[in-house]
Amino acid sequence: PVEVDPSLIPTLVPDNLQMSMVYESLIEYGFTDDLLLTAQGGVTIKTSTNEMPFGPPDAPRGEVYAHMAIEQQDVIIDVWVSAADGTVYTYQPQ
């Protein structure tokens, strides 16, 4: 956002993110291999900070997350996958 001090915006290191780990985490979470990304959502990769939280309240700050909206069996659920350990966070109870 424009109102945020640029020095507070962390730099992403792309080498630290493995999309295969994100996919495997989604499968371990309980999605099946026919999951779909919603057409309008894509994947957003951001660092969550205290100044600019990204994800549900229980997702730790200071970590990088891959966010996507997954469609499965006509249900859409927003998920945030930690790039550090693959933990999946949602706003909905599992």
Protein backbone atom coordinates (compact mmCIF):
# COMPACT_ATOMS: atom_id res chain seq x y z
CA PRO A 1 0.00 0.00 0.00
CA VAL A 2 1.06 3.58 -0.67
CA GLU A 3 0.81 4.62 2.98
CA VAL A 4 3.40 2.03 4.11
CA ASP A 5 7.01 3.06 4.64
CA PRO A 6 9.00 1.36 1.83
CA SER A 7 11.67 0.29 4.33
CA LEU A 8 9.06 -1.94 6.01
CA ILE A 9 8.36 -3.93 2.84
CA PRO A 10 10.41 -7.13 2.89
CA THR A 11 12.18 -8.43 -0.19
CA LEU A 12 11.13 -11.90 -1.33
CA VAL A 13 13.83 -14.41 -2.17
CA PRO A 14 12.33 -16.64 -4.88
CA ASP A 15 14.85 -19.42 -4.27
CA ASN A 16 13.19 -20.04 -0.89
CA LEU A 17 9.81 -21.02 -2.35
CA GLN A 18 9.10 -24.41 -3.88
CA MET A 19 5.69 -24.67 -5.54
CA SER A 20 5.91 -28.46 -5.42
CA MET A 21 6.02 -28.21 -1.61
CA VAL A 22 2.93 -25.97 -1.70
CA TYR A 23 1.08 -28.58 -3.79
CA GLU A 24 2.18 -31.45 -1.53
CA SER A 25 1.05 -29.47 1.53
CA LEU A 26 -2.40 -28.99 0.00
CA ILE A 27 -2.70 -32.73 -0.64
CA GLU A 28 -1.56 -33.54 2.93
CA TYR A 29 -4.11 -31.03 4.24
CA GLY A 30 -6.89 -33.03 2.59
CA PHE A 31 -7.40 -31.66 -0.90
CA THR A 32 -7.37 -34.24 -3.67
CA ASP A 33 -5.27 -34.08 -6.82
CA ASP A 34 -8.20 -32.72 -8.85
CA LEU A 35 -8.06 -29.39 -6.99
CA LEU A 36 -8.33 -26.24 -9.10
CA LEU A 37 -7.10 -22.71 -8.59
CA THR A 38 -9.95 -20.28 -9.10
CA ALA A 39 -9.60 -18.41 -12.37
CA GLN A 40 -9.69 -14.98 -10.78
CA GLY A 41 -7.37 -15.80 -7.89
CA GLY A 42 -4.07 -17.20 -9.09
CA VAL A 43 -1.29 -17.40 -6.51
CA THR A 44 -0.11 -14.47 -4.39
CA ILE A 45 3.21 -14.76 -2.58
CA LYS A 46 3.87 -12.29 0.22
CA THR A 47 5.61 -11.94 3.55
CA SER A 48 3.29 -11.44 6.50
CA THR A 49 4.50 -8.78 8.92
CA ASN A 50 3.03 -7.05 11.95
CA GLU A 51 2.74 -3.90 9.85
CA MET A 52 1.17 -5.72 6.89
CA PRO A 53 -0.46 -8.97 8.03
CA PHE A 54 -1.18 -11.51 5.31
CA GLY A 55 -3.39 -14.47 6.13
CA PRO A 56 -5.51 -15.60 9.05
CA PRO A 57 -4.68 -14.41 12.59
CA ASP A 58 -3.17 -17.79 13.55
CA ALA A 59 -0.62 -17.65 10.69
CA PRO A 60 2.68 -16.51 12.27
CA ARG A 61 4.07 -13.15 11.20
CA GLY A 62 7.52 -12.90 9.67
CA GLU A 63 6.92 -15.79 7.27
CA VAL A 64 6.32 -15.98 3.52
CA TYR A 65 2.99 -17.44 2.41
CA ALA A 66 1.56 -18.58 -0.89
CA HIS A 67 -2.12 -17.63 -0.96
CA MET A 68 -4.63 -19.13 -3.34
CA ALA A 69 -8.32 -19.83 -3.61
CA ILE A 70 -8.85 -23.54 -4.21
CA GLU A 71 -11.98 -24.96 -5.78
CA GLN A 72 -12.89 -28.53 -5.03
CA GLN A 73 -16.28 -30.22 -5.28
CA ASP A 74 -17.94 -26.84 -6.02
CA VAL A 75 -16.55 -25.33 -2.79
CA ILE A 76 -14.01 -22.49 -2.80
CA ILE A 77 -11.65 -22.10 0.15
CA ASP A 78 -8.89 -19.54 0.66
CA VAL A 79 -5.62 -21.08 1.84
CA TRP A 80 -2.24 -19.72 2.87
CA VAL A 81 0.68 -22.15 2.71
CA SER A 82 3.83 -21.36 4.69
CA ALA A 83 6.94 -21.38 2.52
CA ALA A 84 8.95 -22.28 5.61
CA ASP A 85 7.31 -25.57 6.53
CA GLY A 86 4.24 -26.11 4.33
CA THR A 87 1.69 -25.53 7.08
CA VAL A 88 -1.72 -24.69 5.61
CA TYR A 89 -3.78 -21.92 7.21
CA THR A 90 -7.40 -21.02 6.47
CA TYR A 91 -10.11 -18.83 7.93
CA GLN A 92 -12.37 -21.88 8.07
CA PRO A 93 -12.11 -24.69 10.60
CA GLN A 94 -10.67 -27.87 9.11
